Amino acid sequence: MVNFYIGLIHYPVYNRRGEIITTAVTNFDLHDIARTAVTYGAAGYYIVHDQPGQREIIGEILAYWQEGAGSRHNPDRNQALSVVRLAENLDEVCRAIERENGGLSPFVVATAARLAEGDRRLDTEQLRCLART
């Protein structure tokens, strides 16, 4: 079985005018996507944010649910959040995955609400074939 990881990129992202922006982290980003990552057996879930203040807030929320009062209040959330990792950018994520997988470079797939010029659309079967190669 091949390891897979989930990443949620908050920078760089495009707004509706095509400008590069940074988006804020929400509770949904942390709890619900982490739960999905655990449910489907992801080896890790990276939240990627370029702003130190946002990473600090995320770290405080994770500490509350993993080590603080939240861990005793809701142990299931603690388990889901155990796969969450923070990174400043996608390069940092790729390096961490390479280290974790004996130098094997990750096969990166991105989703988007809208395709940019030159992007190609894949269905799930095409993606499975590409991931096997």
Foldseek 3Di string as FASTA:
>chain_A
DDAAEAEDEQPQDQDPVRDGDGDADDVCLQQVVLQVCVVVVHQAYEYEAQDPVRVVVVVVVLCCCQPNPVCVVDVVSNVSNPRYDYHHDPVVVQVVVCVVVVNDGDDDDDDDPDDDPPDDDDDPVRVVVVRVD
